Amino acid sequence: MIQRPGSFFIEFFEQQDRETIGESTERERRADGDAKHADEPNMLTSRIEAKWIDCFSEVFSLSRVESGDAVAILSETQSRNLHVRLSELALLRLGARAFHVVVPTPRQAHAIPVRSTGASQALQGLQPAIEALRHSQLVVDCTTEGLLHAPELPEIRSLGARVLMISNEHPETLERLLPNLELKRAVGEARDALAAARHMSVRSAAGTELEIELSDAIVRGASGVAEEPGEVAYWPAGLVACFPRAGGVTGTLVLDRGDVNLTFKRYLENPVRLRIEKDYVVAIEGDNFDAELMRTYFADWNDRDAYAVSHLGWGLNPSARWDALLMYDKADTNGTELRTCAGNFLYSTGSNQHAGRFTEGHFDLPVRGCTIELDGEVVVEAGRLARAPRAAVAR
């Protein structure tokens, strides 16, 4: 084959142009937040969508964000960038004076992976950042773990700053689970009933038998709406829970097939029995892989408080789905939805500041099919919400 003079160089530079254009397109695609390949079917794409700006705007409006409000968007370098960008655009749409507080994600302090603690370590006590947050009217929390149990949270709230935590979920989950005033009402009634009770008992056909003393417990309701000064909310929402005083929880918790270990983002395939004495898991029973995973994760913390109860309560969100973990890649979900499923029982281990315990070891364990009683009155029957408790009706 005879090649005309210079044709080699023309073809060479044309090939270089094609590669450069391809690299540029790839960079633009990644910069736009799309971590998926275009030829992967049925995979979620991380890019800004107008509908998600609408959703964020609706949620901020429910939390009474108004034109001129100073709103801090707290994130870290490992935050889901899409949440940060959607928050900014939605706040600007509402006329808020939004600004960013961005901190480097700190070095991992443990050899053990830390997941879903709700106790962000991002701020590291950095006082100038804390000052900016506490002087805001609302803090939009986009940290990977969330500020719920973070040591800086009381100071951030001390001047009345409200905090809205956005869970590390793909926006599609947030879109499906928008908070609303009816959910806020249901959460408020359940919170009042739990706060008025002195004792909670939990039973299940699988063998769960728990007794919880509620005297002096700290009670929280998660409605997804932060309206009042100092109020903390998170999205997705629909949960009521309490932090019992030290020594208030005893009995047996049986995790049956299909229950969830959210720290592992895993449905259990075999039963696991946890024996609990005065808050602490003293035995993890089960000759199976699920039990072994829990035994090793607990033990590797080498911290007795990792075995202790953090909080417990039940879900109230009728839109939340138990099967959601099956629908998403692990990177696309934090599992918050399963905590809030209507009628579930949530048992969590780890930090409980009310009981004077702090640890990064943490399990969130949503359990199906339980019956929950407050002072002998059924509020959840075999995994289904019962009629509103008398304490709530009388309100």
Protein backbone atom coordinates (compact mmCIF):
# COMPACT_ATOMS: atom_id res chain seq x y z
CA MET A 1 0.00 0.00 0.00
CA ILE A 2 1.38 3.41 -1.00
CA GLN A 3 0.82 6.15 1.57
CA ARG A 4 0.81 9.77 0.42
CA PRO A 5 3.42 12.06 2.02
CA GLY A 6 2.38 13.41 5.37
CA SER A 7 -0.62 11.13 5.70
CA PHE A 8 0.93 9.30 8.63
CA PHE A 9 1.22 12.53 10.62
CA ILE A 10 -2.32 13.58 9.70
CA GLU A 11 -3.71 10.25 10.92
CA PHE A 12 -1.53 10.41 14.04
CA PHE A 13 -2.82 13.85 15.04
CA GLU A 14 -6.41 12.94 14.19
CA GLN A 15 -6.07 9.96 16.52
CA GLN A 16 -4.63 12.23 19.21
CA ASP A 17 -7.58 14.59 18.77
CA ARG A 18 -10.03 11.73 19.13
CA GLU A 19 -8.32 10.54 22.34
CA THR A 20 -8.17 14.07 23.75
CA ILE A 21 -11.86 14.62 23.03
CA GLY A 22 -12.63 11.27 24.62
CA GLU A 23 -10.62 12.12 27.72
CA SER A 24 -12.29 15.53 27.94
CA THR A 25 -15.73 13.96 27.66
CA GLU A 26 -14.84 11.48 30.37
CA ARG A 27 -13.62 14.25 32.66
CA GLU A 28 -16.81 16.22 32.08
CA ARG A 29 -18.92 13.16 32.79
CA ARG A 30 -17.11 12.53 36.04
CA ALA A 31 -17.21 16.18 37.03
CA ASP A 32 -20.96 16.05 36.56
CA GLY A 33 -21.04 13.35 39.22
CA ASP A 34 -21.74 10.38 36.96
CA ALA A 35 -19.71 7.49 38.32
CA LYS A 36 -21.53 4.91 36.20
CA HIS A 37 -20.76 3.69 32.71
CA ALA A 38 -23.34 4.61 30.10
CA ASP A 39 -23.69 1.01 28.95
CA GLU A 40 -24.64 -0.29 32.41
CA PRO A 41 -28.42 -0.93 32.38
CA ASN A 42 -30.74 0.04 35.25
CA MET A 43 -28.00 1.81 37.21
CA LEU A 44 -28.71 5.12 38.93
CA THR A 45 -26.91 8.17 37.58
CA SER A 46 -25.58 10.83 39.92
CA ARG A 47 -26.32 14.12 38.21
CA ILE A 48 -28.36 17.16 39.10
CA GLU A 49 -32.04 16.81 38.20
CA ALA A 50 -34.57 19.63 38.36
CA LYS A 51 -36.99 17.33 40.21
CA TRP A 52 -34.44 16.86 42.99
CA ILE A 53 -33.96 20.60 43.39
CA ASP A 54 -37.75 20.71 43.77
CA CYS A 55 -37.63 18.00 46.47
CA PHE A 56 -34.88 19.73 48.44
CA SER A 57 -36.76 23.03 48.19
CA GLU A 58 -39.92 21.40 49.55
CA VAL A 59 -38.09 19.89 52.51
CA PHE A 60 -36.32 23.16 53.34
CA SER A 61 -39.64 25.01 53.11
CA LEU A 62 -41.17 22.56 55.61
CA SER A 63 -38.31 23.49 57.94
CA ARG A 64 -39.32 27.16 57.53
CA VAL A 65 -36.39 28.37 55.47
CA GLU A 66 -37.25 31.87 54.28
CA SER A 67 -35.69 34.51 52.12
CA GLY A 68 -32.70 36.10 53.84
CA ASP A 69 -32.09 33.25 56.30
CA ALA A 70 -28.44 32.41 56.94
CA VAL A 71 -28.11 28.70 56.19
CA ALA A 72 -24.86 26.75 56.52
CA ILE A 73 -24.25 23.69 54.33
CA LEU A 74 -21.86 21.48 56.29
CA SER A 75 -19.92 18.91 54.28
CA GLU A 76 -16.61 17.09 54.27
CA THR A 77 -14.36 16.12 51.41
CA GLN A 78 -15.88 12.62 51.26
CA SER A 79 -19.48 13.87 51.32
CA ARG A 80 -21.87 12.92 48.53
CA ASN A 81 -21.27 15.97 46.35
CA LEU A 82 -24.68 15.75 44.73
CA HIS A 83 -26.37 16.47 48.07
CA VAL A 84 -24.17 19.51 48.60
CA ARG A 85 -24.95 20.93 45.17
CA LEU A 86 -28.69 20.22 45.39
CA SER A 87 -28.82 21.85 48.84
CA GLU A 88 -27.16 25.00 47.58
CA LEU A 89 -29.40 25.32 44.52
CA ALA A 90 -32.58 24.69 46.52
CA LEU A 91 -31.64 27.18 49.23
CA LEU A 92 -30.79 29.86 46.66
CA ARG A 93 -34.13 29.21 44.96
CA LEU A 94 -35.81 30.02 48.31
CA GLY A 95 -33.77 33.21 48.67
CA ALA A 96 -31.73 31.97 51.63
CA ARG A 97 -28.21 33.28 52.20
CA ALA A 98 -26.51 29.92 51.87
CA PHE A 99 -22.84 29.37 52.57
CA HIS A 100 -20.53 26.37 52.79
CA VAL A 101 -18.53 24.97 55.68
CA VAL A 102 -16.29 22.29 54.20
CA VAL A 103 -13.77 20.34 56.25
CA PRO A 104 -11.34 17.58 55.23
CA THR A 105 -12.54 14.10 56.07
CA PRO A 106 -10.25 13.08 58.96
CA ARG A 107 -7.96 10.12 58.91
CA GLN A 108 -9.57 6.84 59.95
CA ALA A 109 -8.75 6.30 63.61
CA HIS A 110 -9.46 2.56 63.57
CA ALA A 111 -8.50 -0.45 61.52
CA ILE A 112 -12.21 -1.36 61.58
CA PRO A 113 -14.58 0.13 58.97
CA VAL A 114 -17.00 2.60 60.59
CA ARG A 115 -20.50 2.84 59.14
CA SER A 116 -23.84 4.48 59.97
CA THR A 117 -22.90 5.77 63.41
CA GLY A 118 -24.67 9.13 63.25
CA ALA A 119 -21.59 10.40 65.11
CA SER A 120 -19.59 12.35 62.55
CA GLN A 121 -15.93 12.96 63.36
CA ALA A 122 -15.57 15.52 60.57
CA LEU A 123 -15.48 18.68 62.71
CA GLN A 124 -12.78 17.46 65.12
CA GLY A 125 -13.73 20.25 67.55
CA LEU A 126 -12.67 22.93 65.04
CA GLN A 127 -13.94 26.04 66.80
CA PRO A 128 -14.11 28.52 63.89
CA ALA A 129 -16.28 26.05 61.94
CA ILE A 130 -18.47 25.39 64.97
CA GLU A 131 -18.92 29.14 65.48
CA ALA A 132 -20.09 29.59 61.90
CA LEU A 133 -22.61 26.78 62.33
CA ARG A 134 -24.00 27.90 65.68
CA HIS A 135 -24.65 31.40 64.38
CA SER A 136 -26.72 30.05 61.47
CA GLN A 137 -30.49 29.71 61.50
CA LEU A 138 -30.30 26.28 59.88
CA VAL A 139 -27.45 23.82 59.36
CA VAL A 140 -27.88 21.43 56.43
CA ASP A 141 -25.77 18.47 57.49
CA CYS A 142 -24.25 16.62 54.50
CA THR A 143 -21.48 14.84 56.42
CA THR A 144 -21.13 11.14 55.67
CA GLU A 145 -22.08 9.95 59.17
CA GLY A 146 -24.26 12.82 60.36
CA LEU A 147 -24.20 15.00 63.48
CA LEU A 148 -26.89 13.18 65.48
CA HIS A 149 -24.46 11.80 68.08
CA ALA A 150 -21.49 14.08 67.29
CA PRO A 151 -19.89 15.70 70.36
CA GLU A 152 -20.14 19.16 68.75
CA LEU A 153 -23.93 19.04 68.28
CA PRO A 154 -24.95 20.60 71.65
CA GLU A 155 -22.70 23.61 71.02
CA ILE A 156 -23.96 24.01 67.45
CA ARG A 157 -27.55 24.14 68.77
CA SER A 158 -26.75 26.40 71.73
CA LEU A 159 -27.92 29.62 70.05
CA GLY A 160 -30.97 28.02 68.49
CA ALA A 161 -29.55 26.77 65.20
CA ARG A 162 -31.75 24.07 63.69
CA VAL A 163 -30.08 21.04 62.12
CA LEU A 164 -31.40 19.05 59.17
CA MET A 165 -29.34 15.94 58.47
CA ILE A 166 -29.50 14.58 54.93
CA SER A 167 -28.72 10.89 55.06
CA ASN A 168 -26.08 9.56 52.71
CA GLU A 169 -28.61 8.08 50.28
CA HIS A 170 -29.00 8.40 46.54
CA PRO A 171 -31.44 11.28 45.84
CA GLU A 172 -33.95 8.82 44.39
CA THR A 173 -34.51 7.49 47.93
CA LEU A 174 -34.91 11.01 49.28
CA GLU A 175 -37.35 11.76 46.45
CA ARG A 176 -39.53 8.77 47.37
CA LEU A 177 -39.52 9.61 51.07
CA LEU A 178 -40.32 13.30 51.32
CA PRO A 179 -41.48 14.28 54.82
CA ASN A 180 -44.92 15.79 55.20
CA LEU A 181 -47.13 17.27 57.89
CA GLU A 182 -49.10 14.04 58.40
CA LEU A 183 -45.88 12.16 59.14
CA LYS A 184 -44.85 14.96 61.51
CA ARG A 185 -48.17 14.61 63.35
CA ALA A 186 -47.80 10.82 63.68
CA VAL A 187 -44.23 11.16 64.94
CA GLY A 188 -45.28 13.82 67.43
CA GLU A 189 -48.05 11.66 68.86
CA ALA A 190 -45.78 8.63 69.17
CA ARG A 191 -43.11 10.77 70.81
CA ASP A 192 -45.61 12.07 73.38
CA ALA A 193 -46.75 8.53 74.17
CA LEU A 194 -43.19 7.28 74.58
CA ALA A 195 -42.22 10.26 76.75
CA ALA A 196 -45.25 9.65 79.02
CA ALA A 197 -44.55 5.92 79.49
CA ARG A 198 -42.55 4.32 82.27
CA HIS A 199 -41.97 0.90 80.74
CA MET A 200 -41.65 -0.67 77.29
CA SER A 201 -41.84 -4.37 76.52
CA VAL A 202 -41.03 -5.99 73.17
CA ARG A 203 -42.05 -9.52 72.12
CA SER A 204 -41.92 -11.52 68.91
CA ALA A 205 -42.84 -15.00 67.69
CA ALA A 206 -39.13 -15.49 66.92
CA GLY A 207 -38.32 -15.26 70.63
CA THR A 208 -37.59 -11.60 71.40
CA GLU A 209 -38.39 -10.70 75.01
CA LEU A 210 -37.11 -7.30 76.09
CA GLU A 211 -37.93 -5.15 79.10
CA ILE A 212 -36.97 -1.48 78.93
CA GLU A 213 -37.22 1.02 81.75
CA LEU A 214 -38.19 4.41 80.37
CA SER A 215 -37.97 6.53 83.51
CA ASP A 216 -35.59 9.42 82.79
CA ALA A 217 -35.06 8.26 79.18
CA ILE A 218 -34.31 10.84 76.50
CA VAL A 219 -37.02 10.64 73.82
CA ARG A 220 -36.62 11.82 70.23
CA GLY A 221 -38.92 11.93 67.24
CA ALA A 222 -37.61 12.05 63.68
CA SER A 223 -40.16 13.70 61.40
CA GLY A 224 -37.79 15.17 58.80
CA VAL A 225 -38.87 18.71 59.74
CA ALA A 226 -36.74 21.12 61.82
CA GLU A 227 -39.00 24.08 62.64
CA GLU A 228 -38.22 25.03 66.22
CA PRO A 229 -35.00 26.62 67.55
CA GLY A 230 -32.42 23.94 68.29
CA GLU A 231 -34.51 21.18 66.68
CA VAL A 232 -32.69 18.30 64.96
CA ALA A 233 -34.27 16.39 62.07
CA TYR A 234 -33.11 13.99 59.41
CA TRP A 235 -34.29 12.87 56.01
CA PRO A 236 -35.52 10.17 55.29
CA ALA A 237 -37.63 10.26 58.43
CA GLY A 238 -40.47 8.65 60.35
CA LEU A 239 -39.13 7.21 63.60
CA VAL A 240 -39.55 7.60 67.35
CA ALA A 241 -36.78 6.44 69.66
CA CYS A 242 -35.41 6.77 73.16
CA PHE A 243 -32.00 6.69 74.80
CA PRO A 244 -32.58 4.78 78.06
CA ARG A 245 -30.74 5.59 81.25
CA ALA A 246 -27.89 3.28 82.22
CA GLY A 247 -28.94 -0.24 83.18
CA GLY A 248 -32.48 0.03 81.83
CA VAL A 249 -32.55 -2.72 79.17
CA THR A 250 -32.60 -6.49 79.83
CA GLY A 251 -33.78 -9.56 77.94
CA THR A 252 -33.36 -11.34 74.62
CA LEU A 253 -33.36 -9.90 71.11
CA VAL A 254 -33.80 -12.46 68.31
CA LEU A 255 -32.86 -11.36 64.81
CA ASP A 256 -34.72 -13.69 62.47
CA ARG A 257 -34.23 -14.44 58.80
CA GLY A 258 -35.06 -11.32 56.81
CA ASP A 259 -34.25 -8.91 59.62
CA VAL A 260 -31.47 -6.47 58.86
CA ASN A 261 -28.00 -5.65 60.04
CA LEU A 262 -27.75 -2.15 58.60
CA THR A 263 -24.11 -1.68 59.56
CA PHE A 264 -23.37 -4.51 57.14
CA LYS A 265 -26.25 -3.52 54.78
CA ARG A 266 -27.26 -7.17 54.88
CA TYR A 267 -30.48 -9.12 55.36
CA LEU A 268 -29.93 -11.96 57.81
CA GLU A 269 -30.12 -15.45 56.35
CA ASN A 270 -30.10 -17.22 59.73
CA PRO A 271 -31.39 -16.34 63.22
CA VAL A 272 -29.08 -14.65 65.72
CA ARG A 273 -29.95 -14.44 69.43
CA LEU A 274 -28.56 -11.59 71.54
CA ARG A 275 -28.77 -11.97 75.31
CA ILE A 276 -28.77 -8.58 77.04
CA GLU A 277 -28.11 -7.83 80.70
CA LYS A 278 -28.37 -4.27 82.04
CA ASP A 279 -27.82 -2.75 78.59
CA TYR A 280 -24.95 -4.98 77.47
CA VAL A 281 -24.98 -7.83 74.96
CA VAL A 282 -23.42 -10.68 76.97
CA ALA A 283 -23.92 -13.49 74.44
CA ILE A 284 -24.31 -13.70 70.66
CA GLU A 285 -25.83 -17.10 69.91
CA GLY A 286 -26.06 -18.79 66.54
CA ASP A 287 -23.99 -21.35 64.68
CA ASN A 288 -24.06 -19.47 61.39
CA PHE A 289 -22.27 -16.85 59.33
CA ASP A 290 -24.50 -13.94 60.42
CA ALA A 291 -23.76 -14.61 64.09
CA GLU A 292 -20.05 -14.97 63.39
CA LEU A 293 -19.96 -11.63 61.54
CA MET A 294 -21.55 -9.91 64.54
CA ARG A 295 -19.29 -11.65 67.06
CA THR A 296 -16.12 -10.61 65.25
CA TYR A 297 -17.21 -7.02 64.61
CA PHE A 298 -18.22 -6.54 68.25
CA ALA A 299 -15.00 -8.14 69.52
CA ASP A 300 -12.66 -6.23 67.22
CA TRP A 301 -13.61 -2.94 68.85
CA ASN A 302 -12.13 -4.16 72.12
CA ASP A 303 -14.55 -1.75 73.78
CA ARG A 304 -17.20 -2.92 76.22
CA ASP A 305 -19.44 0.03 75.39
CA ALA A 306 -19.74 -1.16 71.78
CA TYR A 307 -21.92 -3.99 73.19
CA ALA A 308 -24.28 -1.59 75.02
CA VAL A 309 -27.65 -0.25 73.89
CA SER A 310 -27.63 3.11 72.16
CA HIS A 311 -31.28 3.76 71.32
CA LEU A 312 -34.44 1.86 70.47
CA GLY A 313 -37.87 2.64 69.11
CA TRP A 314 -40.17 1.96 66.19
CA GLY A 315 -40.84 3.12 62.62
CA LEU A 316 -43.84 5.15 61.49
CA ASN A 317 -43.32 5.86 57.80
CA PRO A 318 -45.88 4.03 55.62
CA SER A 319 -43.93 4.89 52.47
CA ALA A 320 -40.67 3.29 53.60
CA ARG A 321 -39.97 -0.14 52.11
CA TRP A 322 -38.39 -3.13 53.82
CA ASP A 323 -37.06 -4.50 50.52
CA ALA A 324 -35.19 -1.29 49.61
CA LEU A 325 -31.71 -2.77 50.18
CA LEU A 326 -32.33 -5.13 47.29
CA MET A 327 -32.88 -2.25 44.89
CA TYR A 328 -29.66 -0.28 45.31
CA ASP A 329 -25.93 -0.78 45.09
CA LYS A 330 -24.33 -0.49 48.52
CA ALA A 331 -22.69 2.79 47.51
CA ASP A 332 -26.13 4.23 46.70
CA THR A 333 -27.80 3.56 50.05
CA ASN A 334 -27.20 4.11 53.74
CA GLY A 335 -30.26 2.06 54.72
CA THR A 336 -32.00 4.85 56.63
CA GLU A 337 -35.27 3.88 54.98
CA LEU A 338 -35.35 0.51 56.75
CA ARG A 339 -35.08 2.18 60.16
CA THR A 340 -38.31 4.04 59.49
CA CYS A 341 -40.57 1.29 58.04
CA ALA A 342 -43.97 1.52 59.71
CA GLY A 343 -44.26 -1.03 62.52
CA ASN A 344 -40.65 -2.15 62.67
CA PHE A 345 -38.67 -2.31 65.92
CA LEU A 346 -35.24 -0.67 65.88
CA TYR A 347 -32.54 -1.76 68.31
CA SER A 348 -29.19 0.01 68.15
CA THR A 349 -25.93 -0.55 69.96
CA GLY A 350 -23.12 1.94 70.59
CA SER A 351 -23.01 5.51 71.84
CA ASN A 352 -25.54 6.68 74.40
CA GLN A 353 -24.49 10.02 75.82
CA HIS A 354 -27.44 9.95 78.23
CA ALA A 355 -25.90 6.85 79.81
CA GLY A 356 -22.38 8.31 79.66
CA ARG A 357 -21.13 6.05 76.86
CA PHE A 358 -19.36 7.00 73.64
CA THR A 359 -17.95 4.56 71.10
CA GLU A 360 -17.70 4.33 67.30
CA GLY A 361 -18.77 0.69 67.38
CA HIS A 362 -22.39 0.71 66.25
CA PHE A 363 -25.12 -1.61 65.00
CA ASP A 364 -28.53 -0.55 63.70
CA LEU A 365 -30.83 -3.59 63.75
CA PRO A 366 -34.36 -3.17 62.33
CA VAL A 367 -36.52 -6.13 63.36
CA ARG A 368 -39.87 -7.19 61.86
CA GLY A 369 -42.88 -8.82 63.45
CA CYS A 370 -42.52 -7.44 66.99
CA THR A 371 -45.25 -6.43 69.43
CA ILE A 372 -44.38 -3.29 71.40
CA GLU A 373 -46.22 -2.21 74.54
CA LEU A 374 -45.97 1.00 76.53
CA ASP A 375 -47.14 0.52 80.11
CA GLY A 376 -49.17 -2.47 78.90
CA GLU A 377 -50.77 -0.69 75.94
CA VAL A 378 -50.00 -2.08 72.49
CA VAL A 379 -48.60 0.48 70.04
CA VAL A 380 -47.24 -2.04 67.51
CA GLU A 381 -48.81 -5.49 67.12
CA ALA A 382 -46.85 -8.18 65.29
CA GLY A 383 -45.12 -5.57 63.16
CA ARG A 384 -48.17 -3.42 62.42
CA LEU A 385 -48.94 -0.02 63.90
CA ALA A 386 -51.84 -0.17 66.34
CA ARG A 387 -54.37 2.59 66.96
CA ALA A 388 -52.90 5.82 68.31
CA PRO A 389 -52.06 5.42 72.04
CA ARG A 390 -54.35 7.05 74.57
CA ALA A 391 -51.56 9.40 75.67
CA ALA A 392 -51.44 10.80 72.15
CA VAL A 393 -55.23 11.01 71.71
CA ALA A 394 -55.60 12.99 74.92
CA ARG A 395 -53.07 15.55 73.76
